Amino acid sequence: MKELICIVCPKGCRLTVDEENGYKVSGNSCKRGEEYGKMELINPVRVITSTVAVENSVHRRCPVKTNGAIPKKLIFDAMKTLDGIKVKAPIKRGQKIAENVCSTGVDFIAVRDIF
């Protein structure tokens, strides 16, 4: 049995996941918590946030994030894709900064406009 705190909503249900019984989840107050508990043990995923260097702007860094979740085991490899990236202003919110990160089909995108 594995104990988790659900992060799907602010309620923070205390989940218990029985790995030996088909990943049966208890302690959840909604269906989303059940789904989260199972997936957190079977294939945990995360959205990654970071920054990249900016040229031609008073802002030296641009915040970026993945536009979807990627497997947790790929986080460090995904971060390496940002090493050495320098973008030139102007940058539009939603602009792709790095495409198909670690062959996941997920991109790093800018999360704010930079002029």
PDB file of N, CA and C in Angstrom:
ATOM      1  N   MET A   1       0.841  -1.189   0.000  1.00  0.00           N
ATOM      2  CA  MET A   1       0.000   0.000   0.000  1.00  0.00           C
ATOM      3  C   MET A   1       0.879   1.244   0.000  1.00  0.00           C
ATOM      4  N   LYS A   2       0.452   2.203  -0.777  1.00  0.00           N
ATOM      5  CA  LYS A   2       1.183   3.467  -0.903  1.00  0.00           C
ATOM      6  C   LYS A   2       0.238   4.585  -0.491  1.00  0.00           C
ATOM      7  N   GLU A   3       0.734   5.527   0.303  1.00  0.00           N
ATOM      8  CA  GLU A   3      -0.064   6.676   0.714  1.00  0.00           C
ATOM      9  C   GLU A   3       0.389   7.913  -0.043  1.00  0.00           C
ATOM     10  N   LEU A   4      -0.585   8.680  -0.550  1.00  0.00           N
ATOM     11  CA  LEU A   4      -0.328   9.889  -1.325  1.00  0.00           C
ATOM     12  C   LEU A   4      -1.287  10.983  -0.889  1.00  0.00           C
ATOM     13  N   ILE A   5      -0.921  12.202  -1.172  1.00  0.00           N
ATOM     14  CA  ILE A   5      -1.852  13.315  -1.034  1.00  0.00           C
ATOM     15  C   ILE A   5      -2.194  13.763  -2.438  1.00  0.00           C
ATOM     16  N   CYS A   6      -3.479  13.783  -2.741  1.00  0.00           N
ATOM     17  CA  CYS A   6      -3.937  14.140  -4.070  1.00  0.00           C
ATOM     18  C   CYS A   6      -3.675  15.631  -4.319  1.00  0.00           C
ATOM     19  N   ILE A   7      -3.171  15.953  -5.514  1.00  0.00           N
ATOM     20  CA  ILE A   7      -2.873  17.344  -5.864  1.00  0.00           C
ATOM     21  C   ILE A   7      -3.768  17.863  -6.986  1.00  0.00           C
ATOM     22  N   VAL A   8      -4.827  17.122  -7.304  1.00  0.00           N
ATOM     23  CA  VAL A   8      -5.703  17.521  -8.396  1.00  0.00           C
ATOM     24  C   VAL A   8      -6.500  18.780  -8.045  1.00  0.00           C
ATOM     25  N   CYS A   9      -6.911  18.915  -6.802  1.00  0.00           N
ATOM     26  CA  CYS A   9      -7.652  20.109  -6.368  1.00  0.00           C
ATOM     27  C   CYS A   9      -7.130  20.545  -5.001  1.00  0.00           C
ATOM     28  N   PRO A  10      -7.561  21.688  -4.517  1.00  0.00           N
ATOM     29  CA  PRO A  10      -7.059  22.189  -3.231  1.00  0.00           C
ATOM     30  C   PRO A  10      -7.477  21.373  -2.004  1.00  0.00           C
ATOM     31  N   LYS A  11      -8.413  20.467  -2.163  1.00  0.00           N
ATOM     32  CA  LYS A  11      -8.889  19.676  -1.022  1.00  0.00           C
ATOM     33  C   LYS A  11      -7.787  18.804  -0.426  1.00  0.00           C
ATOM     34  N   GLY A  12      -6.920  18.257  -1.249  1.00  0.00           N
ATOM     35  CA  GLY A  12      -5.778  17.475  -0.773  1.00  0.00           C
ATOM     36  C   GLY A  12      -6.152  16.196  -0.060  1.00  0.00           C
ATOM     37  N   CYS A  13      -6.968  15.370  -0.685  1.00  0.00           N
ATOM     38  CA  CYS A  13      -7.396  14.105  -0.070  1.00  0.00           C
ATOM     39  C   CYS A  13      -6.187  13.212   0.204  1.00  0.00           C
ATOM     40  N   ARG A  14      -6.256  12.496   1.304  1.00  0.00           N
ATOM     41  CA  ARG A  14      -5.223  11.514   1.640  1.00  0.00           C
ATOM     42  C   ARG A  14      -5.618  10.186   1.011  1.00  0.00           C
ATOM     43  N   LEU A  15      -4.848   9.778   0.022  1.00  0.00           N
ATOM     44  CA  LEU A  15      -5.154   8.577  -0.732  1.00  0.00           C
ATOM     45  C   LEU A  15      -4.326   7.401  -0.259  1.00  0.00           C
ATOM     46  N   THR A  16      -4.915   6.230  -0.349  1.00  0.00           N
ATOM     47  CA  THR A  16      -4.195   4.982  -0.153  1.00  0.00           C
ATOM     48  C   THR A  16      -4.383   4.179  -1.421  1.00  0.00           C
ATOM     49  N   VAL A  17      -3.287   3.729  -2.005  1.00  0.00           N
ATOM     50  CA  VAL A  17      -3.339   2.974  -3.258  1.00  0.00           C
ATOM     51  C   VAL A  17      -2.789   1.579  -2.988  1.00  0.00           C
ATOM     52  N   ASP A  18      -3.617   0.576  -3.258  1.00  0.00           N
ATOM     53  CA  ASP A  18      -3.243  -0.823  -3.055  1.00  0.00           C
ATOM     54  C   ASP A  18      -2.690  -1.365  -4.370  1.00  0.00           C
ATOM     55  N   GLU A  19      -1.388  -1.409  -4.461  1.00  0.00           N
ATOM     56  CA  GLU A  19      -0.715  -1.856  -5.689  1.00  0.00           C
ATOM     57  C   GLU A  19      -0.977  -3.330  -5.992  1.00  0.00           C
ATOM     58  N   GLU A  20      -1.200  -4.110  -4.954  1.00  0.00           N
ATOM     59  CA  GLU A  20      -1.388  -5.552  -5.129  1.00  0.00           C
ATOM     60  C   GLU A  20      -2.832  -5.919  -5.459  1.00  0.00           C
ATOM     61  N   ASN A  21      -3.715  -4.930  -5.445  1.00  0.00           N
ATOM     62  CA  ASN A  21      -5.127  -5.192  -5.710  1.00  0.00           C
ATOM     63  C   ASN A  21      -5.612  -4.303  -6.862  1.00  0.00           C
ATOM     64  N   GLY A  22      -4.862  -4.322  -7.978  1.00  0.00           N
ATOM     65  CA  GLY A  22      -5.266  -3.566  -9.159  1.00  0.00           C
ATOM     66  C   GLY A  22      -5.219  -2.062  -8.981  1.00  0.00           C
ATOM     67  N   TYR A  23      -4.327  -1.574  -8.140  1.00  0.00           N
ATOM     68  CA  TYR A  23      -4.177  -0.142  -7.870  1.00  0.00           C
ATOM     69  C   TYR A  23      -5.497   0.469  -7.371  1.00  0.00           C
ATOM     70  N   LYS A  24      -6.159  -0.255  -6.482  1.00  0.00           N
ATOM     71  CA  LYS A  24      -7.408   0.234  -5.894  1.00  0.00           C
ATOM     72  C   LYS A  24      -7.104   1.431  -5.005  1.00  0.00           C
ATOM     73  N   VAL A  25      -7.845   2.520  -5.243  1.00  0.00           N
ATOM     74  CA  VAL A  25      -7.624   3.778  -4.527  1.00  0.00           C
ATOM     75  C   VAL A  25      -8.745   3.988  -3.510  1.00  0.00           C
ATOM     76  N   SER A  26      -8.361   4.400  -2.306  1.00  0.00           N
ATOM     77  CA  SER A  26      -9.357   4.775  -1.301  1.00  0.00           C
ATOM     78  C   SER A  26      -8.937   6.110  -0.694  1.00  0.00           C
ATOM     79  N   GLY A  27      -9.894   6.786  -0.085  1.00  0.00           N
ATOM     80  CA  GLY A  27      -9.622   8.087   0.533  1.00  0.00           C
ATOM     81  C   GLY A  27      -9.930   9.258  -0.377  1.00  0.00           C
ATOM     82  N   ASN A  28     -10.224   8.982  -1.645  1.00  0.00           N
ATOM     83  CA  ASN A  28     -10.541  10.054  -2.589  1.00  0.00           C
ATOM     84  C   ASN A  28     -11.998  10.463  -2.435  1.00  0.00           C
ATOM     85  N   SER A  29     -12.268  11.747  -2.683  1.00  0.00           N
ATOM     86  CA  SER A  29     -13.652  12.219  -2.611  1.00  0.00           C
ATOM     87  C   SER A  29     -14.241  12.454  -3.999  1.00  0.00           C
ATOM     88  N   CYS A  30     -13.440  12.197  -5.049  1.00  0.00           N
ATOM     89  CA  CYS A  30     -13.964  12.341  -6.409  1.00  0.00           C
ATOM     90  C   CYS A  30     -13.242  11.377  -7.345  1.00  0.00           C
ATOM     91  N   LYS A  31     -13.787  11.232  -8.525  1.00  0.00           N
ATOM     92  CA  LYS A  31     -13.225  10.331  -9.540  1.00  0.00           C
ATOM     93  C   LYS A  31     -11.820  10.773  -9.983  1.00  0.00           C
ATOM     94  N   ARG A  32     -11.598  12.099  -9.999  1.00  0.00           N
ATOM     95  CA  ARG A  32     -10.283  12.594 -10.417  1.00  0.00           C
ATOM     96  C   ARG A  32      -9.188  12.139  -9.456  1.00  0.00           C
ATOM     97  N   GLY A  33      -9.504  12.059  -8.174  1.00  0.00           N
ATOM     98  CA  GLY A  33      -8.536  11.597  -7.191  1.00  0.00           C
ATOM     99  C   GLY A  33      -8.181  10.137  -7.380  1.00  0.00           C
ATOM    100  N   GLU A  34      -9.171   9.349  -7.744  1.00  0.00           N
ATOM    101  CA  GLU A  34      -8.932   7.935  -8.019  1.00  0.00           C
ATOM    102  C   GLU A  34      -7.991   7.788  -9.221  1.00  0.00           C
ATOM    103  N   GLU A  35      -8.270   8.546 -10.263  1.00  0.00           N
ATOM    104  CA  GLU A  35      -7.438   8.515 -11.466  1.00  0.00           C
ATOM    105  C   GLU A  35      -6.011   8.972 -11.158  1.00  0.00           C
ATOM    106  N   TYR A  36      -5.894  10.053 -10.379  1.00  0.00           N
ATOM    107  CA  TYR A  36      -4.564  10.566 -10.015  1.00  0.00           C
ATOM    108  C   TYR A  36      -3.777   9.516  -9.232  1.00  0.00           C
ATOM    109  N   GLY A  37      -4.399   8.887  -8.251  1.00  0.00           N
ATOM    110  CA  GLY A  37      -3.715   7.895  -7.424  1.00  0.00           C
ATOM    111  C   GLY A  37      -3.154   6.742  -8.241  1.00  0.00           C
ATOM    112  N   LYS A  38      -3.956   6.237  -9.168  1.00  0.00           N
ATOM    113  CA  LYS A  38      -3.498   5.136 -10.023  1.00  0.00           C
ATOM    114  C   LYS A  38      -2.335   5.583 -10.901  1.00  0.00           C
ATOM    115  N   MET A  39      -2.525   6.702 -11.587  1.00  0.00           N
ATOM    116  CA  MET A  39      -1.504   7.159 -12.524  1.00  0.00           C
ATOM    117  C   MET A  39      -0.206   7.570 -11.830  1.00  0.00           C
ATOM    118  N   GLU A  40      -0.302   8.068 -10.617  1.00  0.00           N
ATOM    119  CA  GLU A  40       0.905   8.480  -9.897  1.00  0.00           C
ATOM    120  C   GLU A  40       1.818   7.288  -9.618  1.00  0.00           C
ATOM    121  N   LEU A  41       1.233   6.107  -9.504  1.00  0.00           N
ATOM    122  CA  LEU A  41       2.054   4.915  -9.282  1.00  0.00           C
ATOM    123  C   LEU A  41       2.398   4.195 -10.578  1.00  0.00           C
ATOM    124  N   ILE A  42       1.511   4.225 -11.544  1.00  0.00           N
ATOM    125  CA  ILE A  42       1.748   3.522 -12.807  1.00  0.00           C
ATOM    126  C   ILE A  42       2.668   4.317 -13.725  1.00  0.00           C
ATOM    127  N   ASN A  43       2.364   5.603 -13.928  1.00  0.00           N
ATOM    128  CA  ASN A  43       3.147   6.446 -14.837  1.00  0.00           C
ATOM    129  C   ASN A  43       3.048   7.901 -14.386  1.00  0.00           C
ATOM    130  N   PRO A  44       3.839   8.294 -13.380  1.00  0.00           N
ATOM    131  CA  PRO A  44       3.754   9.675 -12.894  1.00  0.00           C
ATOM    132  C   PRO A  44       4.224  10.674 -13.949  1.00  0.00           C
ATOM    133  N   VAL A  45       3.477  11.759 -14.097  1.00  0.00           N
ATOM    134  CA  VAL A  45       3.812  12.796 -15.073  1.00  0.00           C
ATOM    135  C   VAL A  45       3.812  14.159 -14.393  1.00  0.00           C
ATOM    136  N   ARG A  46       4.515  15.106 -15.000  1.00  0.00           N
ATOM    137  CA  ARG A  46       4.602  16.457 -14.468  1.00  0.00           C
ATOM    138  C   ARG A  46       4.658  17.478 -15.594  1.00  0.00           C
ATOM    139  N   VAL A  47       4.151  18.680 -15.317  1.00  0.00           N
ATOM    140  CA  VAL A  47       4.375  19.847 -16.167  1.00  0.00           C
ATOM    141  C   VAL A  47       5.630  20.509 -15.613  1.00  0.00           C
ATOM    142  N   ILE A  48       6.541  20.920 -16.483  1.00  0.00           N
ATOM    143  CA  ILE A  48       7.813  21.502 -16.055  1.00  0.00           C
ATOM    144  C   ILE A  48       7.806  23.000 -16.319  1.00  0.00           C
ATOM    145  N   THR A  49       8.287  23.765 -15.355  1.00  0.00           N
ATOM    146  CA  THR A  49       8.457  25.208 -15.527  1.00  0.00           C
ATOM    147  C   THR A  49       9.930  25.559 -15.375  1.00  0.00           C
ATOM    148  N   SER A  50      10.370  26.552 -16.123  1.00  0.00           N
ATOM    149  CA  SER A  50      11.756  27.000 -16.059  1.00  0.00           C
ATOM    150  C   SER A  50      11.853  28.377 -16.707  1.00  0.00           C
ATOM    151  N   THR A  51      13.063  28.770 -17.077  1.00  0.00           N
ATOM    152  CA  THR A  51      13.291  30.024 -17.804  1.00  0.00           C
ATOM    153  C   THR A  51      14.359  29.796 -18.860  1.00  0.00           C
ATOM    154  N   VAL A  52      14.362  30.685 -19.853  1.00  0.00           N
ATOM    155  CA  VAL A  52      15.429  30.683 -20.871  1.00  0.00           C
ATOM    156  C   VAL A  52      15.965  32.100 -20.993  1.00  0.00           C
ATOM    157  N   ALA A  53      17.187  32.209 -21.492  1.00  0.00           N
ATOM    158  CA  ALA A  53      17.830  33.511 -21.670  1.00  0.00           C
ATOM    159  C   ALA A  53      17.158  34.282 -22.803  1.00  0.00           C
ATOM    160  N   VAL A  54      17.126  35.624 -22.657  1.00  0.00           N
ATOM    161  CA  VAL A  54      16.529  36.497 -23.666  1.00  0.00           C
ATOM    162  C   VAL A  54      17.577  37.497 -24.140  1.00  0.00           C
ATOM    163  N   GLU A  55      17.629  37.704 -25.455  1.00  0.00           N
ATOM    164  CA  GLU A  55      18.488  38.737 -26.043  1.00  0.00           C
ATOM    165  C   GLU A  55      17.610  39.887 -26.531  1.00  0.00           C
ATOM    166  N   ASN A  56      18.178  41.074 -26.609  1.00  0.00           N
ATOM    167  CA  ASN A  56      17.482  42.256 -27.153  1.00  0.00           C
ATOM    168  C   ASN A  56      16.295  42.709 -26.302  1.00  0.00           C
ATOM    169  N   SER A  57      16.399  42.619 -24.996  1.00  0.00           N
ATOM    170  CA  SER A  57      15.302  43.033 -24.135  1.00  0.00           C
ATOM    171  C   SER A  57      15.849  43.464 -22.784  1.00  0.00           C
ATOM    172  N   VAL A  58      15.079  44.266 -22.073  1.00  0.00           N
ATOM    173  CA  VAL A  58      15.450  44.605 -20.699  1.00  0.00           C
ATOM    174  C   VAL A  58      15.236  43.407 -19.780  1.00  0.00           C
ATOM    175  N   HIS A  59      14.414  42.456 -20.227  1.00  0.00           N
ATOM    176  CA  HIS A  59      14.194  41.222 -19.465  1.00  0.00           C
ATOM    177  C   HIS A  59      15.265  40.210 -19.853  1.00  0.00           C
ATOM    178  N   ARG A  60      15.985  39.726 -18.863  1.00  0.00           N
ATOM    179  CA  ARG A  60      17.084  38.808 -19.147  1.00  0.00           C
ATOM    180  C   ARG A  60      16.631  37.359 -19.271  1.00  0.00           C
ATOM    181  N   ARG A  61      15.473  37.024 -18.708  1.00  0.00           N
ATOM    182  CA  ARG A  61      14.966  35.652 -18.739  1.00  0.00           C
ATOM    183  C   ARG A  61      13.494  35.657 -19.143  1.00  0.00           C
ATOM    184  N   CYS A  62      13.063  34.600 -19.788  1.00  0.00           N
ATOM    185  CA  CYS A  62      11.663  34.418 -20.163  1.00  0.00           C
ATOM    186  C   CYS A  62      11.159  33.144 -19.479  1.00  0.00           C
ATOM    187  N   PRO A  63      10.065  33.223 -18.740  1.00  0.00           N
ATOM    188  CA  PRO A  63       9.514  32.007 -18.137  1.00  0.00           C
ATOM    189  C   PRO A  63       8.902  31.103 -19.209  1.00  0.00           C
ATOM    190  N   VAL A  64       9.145  29.813 -19.070  1.00  0.00           N
ATOM    191  CA  VAL A  64       8.620  28.822 -20.001  1.00  0.00           C
ATOM    192  C   VAL A  64       8.029  27.658 -19.207  1.00  0.00           C
ATOM    193  N   LYS A  65       7.168  26.893 -19.866  1.00  0.00           N
ATOM    194  CA  LYS A  65       6.643  25.667 -19.273  1.00  0.00           C
ATOM    195  C   LYS A  65       6.294  24.705 -20.386  1.00  0.00           C
ATOM    196  N   THR A  66       6.131  23.449 -20.022  1.00  0.00           N
ATOM    197  CA  THR A  66       5.687  22.485 -21.016  1.00  0.00           C
ATOM    198  C   THR A  66       4.188  22.683 -21.220  1.00  0.00           C
ATOM    199  N   ASN A  67       3.740  22.475 -22.444  1.00  0.00           N
ATOM    200  CA  ASN A  67       2.315  22.661 -22.734  1.00  0.00           C
ATOM    201  C   ASN A  67       1.525  21.376 -22.498  1.00  0.00           C
ATOM    202  N   GLY A  68       2.120  20.466 -21.773  1.00  0.00           N
ATOM    203  CA  GLY A  68       1.486  19.220 -21.368  1.00  0.00           C
ATOM    204  C   GLY A  68       2.397  18.524 -20.375  1.00  0.00           C
ATOM    205  N   ALA A  69       1.902  17.463 -19.795  1.00  0.00           N
ATOM    206  CA  ALA A  69       2.696  16.716 -18.821  1.00  0.00           C
ATOM    207  C   ALA A  69       3.598  15.718 -19.537  1.00  0.00           C
ATOM    208  N   ILE A  70       4.768  15.505 -18.962  1.00  0.00           N
ATOM    209  CA  ILE A  70       5.697  14.506 -19.488  1.00  0.00           C
ATOM    210  C   ILE A  70       6.016  13.519 -18.377  1.00  0.00           C
ATOM    211  N   PRO A  71       6.462  12.307 -18.720  1.00  0.00           N
ATOM    212  CA  PRO A  71       6.818  11.345 -17.677  1.00  0.00           C
ATOM    213  C   PRO A  71       7.865  11.916 -16.719  1.00  0.00           C
ATOM    214  N   LYS A  72       7.639  11.690 -15.465  1.00  0.00           N
ATOM    215  CA  LYS A  72       8.525  12.216 -14.420  1.00  0.00           C
ATOM    216  C   LYS A  72       9.973  11.784 -14.629  1.00  0.00           C
ATOM    217  N   LYS A  73      10.179  10.584 -15.153  1.00  0.00           N
ATOM    218  CA  LYS A  73      11.542  10.080 -15.361  1.00  0.00           C
ATOM    219  C   LYS A  73      12.317  10.868 -16.418  1.00  0.00           C
ATOM    220  N   LEU A  74      11.615  11.692 -17.212  1.00  0.00           N
ATOM    221  CA  LEU A  74      12.270  12.473 -18.270  1.00  0.00           C
ATOM    222  C   LEU A  74      12.548  13.926 -17.869  1.00  0.00           C
ATOM    223  N   ILE A  75      12.240  14.308 -16.646  1.00  0.00           N
ATOM    224  CA  ILE A  75      12.387  15.708 -16.237  1.00  0.00           C
ATOM    225  C   ILE A  75      13.803  16.235 -16.465  1.00  0.00           C
ATOM    226  N   PHE A  76      14.808  15.515 -16.023  1.00  0.00           N
ATOM    227  CA  PHE A  76      16.182  16.019 -16.154  1.00  0.00           C
ATOM    228  C   PHE A  76      16.605  16.109 -17.615  1.00  0.00           C
ATOM    229  N   ASP A  77      16.219  15.138 -18.421  1.00  0.00           N
ATOM    230  CA  ASP A  77      16.523  15.195 -19.853  1.00  0.00           C
ATOM    231  C   ASP A  77      15.802  16.369 -20.507  1.00  0.00           C
ATOM    232  N   ALA A  78      14.557  16.599 -20.104  1.00  0.00           N
ATOM    233  CA  ALA A  78      13.793  17.724 -20.662  1.00  0.00           C
ATOM    234  C   ALA A  78      14.456  19.052 -20.303  1.00  0.00           C
ATOM    235  N   MET A  79      14.944  19.177 -19.092  1.00  0.00           N
ATOM    236  CA  MET A  79      15.616  20.408 -18.677  1.00  0.00           C
ATOM    237  C   MET A  79      16.889  20.636 -19.478  1.00  0.00           C
ATOM    238  N   LYS A  80      17.571  19.563 -19.840  1.00  0.00           N
ATOM    239  CA  LYS A  80      18.794  19.694 -20.646  1.00  0.00           C
ATOM    240  C   LYS A  80      18.503  20.305 -22.011  1.00  0.00           C
ATOM    241  N   THR A  81      17.293  20.107 -22.528  1.00  0.00           N
ATOM    242  CA  THR A  81      16.962  20.691 -23.833  1.00  0.00           C
ATOM    243  C   THR A  81      16.947  22.215 -23.781  1.00  0.00           C
ATOM    244  N   LEU A  82      16.799  22.768 -22.596  1.00  0.00           N
ATOM    245  CA  LEU A  82      16.792  24.231 -22.453  1.00  0.00           C
ATOM    246  C   LEU A  82      18.187  24.816 -22.318  1.00  0.00           C
ATOM    247  N   ASP A  83      19.172  23.966 -22.025  1.00  0.00           N
ATOM    248  CA  ASP A  83      20.550  24.450 -21.871  1.00  0.00           C
ATOM    249  C   ASP A  83      21.009  25.169 -23.134  1.00  0.00           C
ATOM    250  N   GLY A  84      21.484  26.368 -22.971  1.00  0.00           N
ATOM    251  CA  GLY A  84      22.046  27.130 -24.078  1.00  0.00           C
ATOM    252  C   GLY A  84      21.030  27.807 -24.978  1.00  0.00           C
ATOM    253  N   ILE A  85      19.748  27.627 -24.737  1.00  0.00           N
ATOM    254  CA  ILE A  85      18.757  28.303 -25.576  1.00  0.00           C
ATOM    255  C   ILE A  85      18.723  29.781 -25.227  1.00  0.00           C
ATOM    256  N   LYS A  86      18.855  30.619 -26.254  1.00  0.00           N
ATOM    257  CA  LYS A  86      18.701  32.067 -26.112  1.00  0.00           C
ATOM    258  C   LYS A  86      17.676  32.500 -27.141  1.00  0.00           C
ATOM    259  N   VAL A  87      16.628  33.145 -26.684  1.00  0.00           N
ATOM    260  CA  VAL A  87      15.594  33.608 -27.600  1.00  0.00           C
ATOM    261  C   VAL A  87      15.719  35.115 -27.768  1.00  0.00           C
ATOM    262  N   LYS A  88      15.308  35.599 -28.928  1.00  0.00           N
ATOM    263  CA  LYS A  88      15.380  37.036 -29.194  1.00  0.00           C
ATOM    264  C   LYS A  88      14.003  37.657 -29.040  1.00  0.00           C
ATOM    265  N   ALA A  89      13.973  38.791 -28.364  1.00  0.00           N
ATOM    266  CA  ALA A  89      12.723  39.535 -28.213  1.00  0.00           C
ATOM    267  C   ALA A  89      12.365  40.134 -29.563  1.00  0.00           C
ATOM    268  N   PRO A  90      11.112  40.316 -29.864  1.00  0.00           N
ATOM    269  CA  PRO A  90       9.960  40.076 -29.000  1.00  0.00           C
ATOM    270  C   PRO A  90       9.552  38.596 -28.991  1.00  0.00           C
ATOM    271  N   ILE A  91       8.982  38.189 -27.856  1.00  0.00           N
ATOM    272  CA  ILE A  91       8.480  36.834 -27.666  1.00  0.00           C
ATOM    273  C   ILE A  91       7.007  36.944 -27.281  1.00  0.00           C
ATOM    274  N   LYS A  92       6.197  36.155 -27.917  1.00  0.00           N
ATOM    275  CA  LYS A  92       4.765  36.161 -27.627  1.00  0.00           C
ATOM    276  C   LYS A  92       4.407  35.006 -26.701  1.00  0.00           C
ATOM    277  N   ARG A  93       3.514  35.276 -25.773  1.00  0.00           N
ATOM    278  CA  ARG A  93       3.003  34.230 -24.893  1.00  0.00           C
ATOM    279  C   ARG A  93       2.449  33.094 -25.755  1.00  0.00           C
ATOM    280  N   GLY A  94       2.836  31.855 -25.431  1.00  0.00           N
ATOM    281  CA  GLY A  94       2.406  30.689 -26.192  1.00  0.00           C
ATOM    282  C   GLY A  94       3.358  30.286 -27.299  1.00  0.00           C
ATOM    283  N   GLN A  95       4.357  31.129 -27.579  1.00  0.00           N
ATOM    284  CA  GLN A  95       5.335  30.836 -28.631  1.00  0.00           C
ATOM    285  C   GLN A  95       6.149  29.600 -28.250  1.00  0.00           C
ATOM    286  N   LYS A  96       6.362  28.710 -29.217  1.00  0.00           N
ATOM    287  CA  LYS A  96       7.162  27.514 -28.960  1.00  0.00           C
ATOM    288  C   LYS A  96       8.628  27.907 -28.787  1.00  0.00           C
ATOM    289  N   ILE A  97       9.228  27.392 -27.736  1.00  0.00           N
ATOM    290  CA  ILE A  97      10.637  27.646 -27.450  1.00  0.00           C
ATOM    291  C   ILE A  97      11.471  26.408 -27.772  1.00  0.00           C
ATOM    292  N   ALA A  98      10.965  25.227 -27.450  1.00  0.00           N
ATOM    293  CA  ALA A  98      11.611  23.954 -27.790  1.00  0.00           C
ATOM    294  C   ALA A  98      10.496  22.964 -28.118  1.00  0.00           C
ATOM    295  N   GLU A  99      10.599  22.333 -29.280  1.00  0.00           N
ATOM    296  CA  GLU A  99       9.536  21.444 -29.745  1.00  0.00           C
ATOM    297  C   GLU A  99       9.822  19.975 -29.440  1.00  0.00           C
ATOM    298  N   ASN A 100       8.752  19.233 -29.241  1.00  0.00           N
ATOM    299  CA  ASN A 100       8.793  17.777 -29.085  1.00  0.00           C
ATOM    300  C   ASN A 100       9.864  17.344 -28.082  1.00  0.00           C
ATOM    301  N   VAL A 101       9.770  17.861 -26.890  1.00  0.00           N
ATOM    302  CA  VAL A 101      10.754  17.607 -25.833  1.00  0.00           C
ATOM    303  C   VAL A 101      10.845  16.105 -25.542  1.00  0.00           C
ATOM    304  N   CYS A 102      12.039  15.562 -25.659  1.00  0.00           N
ATOM    305  CA  CYS A 102      12.319  14.143 -25.398  1.00  0.00           C
ATOM    306  C   CYS A 102      11.386  13.219 -26.174  1.00  0.00           C
ATOM    307  N   SER A 103      11.003  13.628 -27.368  1.00  0.00           N
ATOM    308  CA  SER A 103      10.115  12.841 -28.244  1.00  0.00           C
ATOM    309  C   SER A 103       8.773  12.513 -27.588  1.00  0.00           C
ATOM    310  N   THR A 104       8.276  13.439 -26.763  1.00  0.00           N
ATOM    311  CA  THR A 104       6.994  13.227 -26.075  1.00  0.00           C
ATOM    312  C   THR A 104       5.828  13.876 -26.800  1.00  0.00           C
ATOM    313  N   GLY A 105       6.128  14.725 -27.784  1.00  0.00           N
ATOM    314  CA  GLY A 105       5.073  15.481 -28.443  1.00  0.00           C
ATOM    315  C   GLY A 105       4.691  16.734 -27.681  1.00  0.00           C
ATOM    316  N   VAL A 106       5.367  16.981 -26.575  1.00  0.00           N
ATOM    317  CA  VAL A 106       5.119  18.146 -25.720  1.00  0.00           C
ATOM    318  C   VAL A 106       6.185  19.196 -26.011  1.00  0.00           C
ATOM    319  N   ASP A 107       5.775  20.468 -26.019  1.00  0.00           N
ATOM    320  CA  ASP A 107       6.696  21.572 -26.300  1.00  0.00           C
ATOM    321  C   ASP A 107       6.899  22.442 -25.065  1.00  0.00           C
ATOM    322  N   PHE A 108       8.049  23.108 -24.997  1.00  0.00           N
ATOM    323  CA  PHE A 108       8.230  24.206 -24.053  1.00  0.00           C
ATOM    324  C   PHE A 108       7.686  25.452 -24.736  1.00  0.00           C
ATOM    325  N   ILE A 109       6.856  26.209 -24.035  1.00  0.00           N
ATOM    326  CA  ILE A 109       6.294  27.441 -24.584  1.00  0.00           C
ATOM    327  C   ILE A 109       6.565  28.600 -23.635  1.00  0.00           C
ATOM    328  N   ALA A 110       6.588  29.821 -24.193  1.00  0.00           N
ATOM    329  CA  ALA A 110       6.729  31.025 -23.381  1.00  0.00           C
ATOM    330  C   ALA A 110       5.418  31.263 -22.633  1.00  0.00           C
ATOM    331  N   VAL A 111       5.524  31.716 -21.401  1.00  0.00           N
ATOM    332  CA  VAL A 111       4.308  31.948 -20.620  1.00  0.00           C
ATOM    333  C   VAL A 111       3.992  33.436 -20.414  1.00  0.00           C
ATOM    334  N   ARG A 112       4.795  34.304 -21.045  1.00  0.00           N
ATOM    335  CA  ARG A 112       4.490  35.738 -21.025  1.00  0.00           C
ATOM    336  C   ARG A 112       5.100  36.404 -22.238  1.00  0.00           C
ATOM    337  N   ASP A 113       4.554  37.548 -22.566  1.00  0.00           N
ATOM    338  CA  ASP A 113       5.107  38.345 -23.647  1.00  0.00           C
ATOM    339  C   ASP A 113       6.370  39.038 -23.151  1.00  0.00           C
ATOM    340  N   ILE A 114       7.384  39.075 -23.979  1.00  0.00           N
ATOM    341  CA  ILE A 114       8.628  39.784 -23.679  1.00  0.00           C
ATOM    342  C   ILE A 114       8.909  40.729 -24.854  1.00  0.00           C
ATOM    343  N   PHE A 115       9.088  42.016 -24.548  1.00  0.00           N
ATOM    344  CA  PHE A 115       9.373  43.010 -25.585  1.00  0.00           C
ATOM    345  C   PHE A 115      10.755  43.577 -25.441  1.00  0.00           C
TER     346      PHE A 115
END
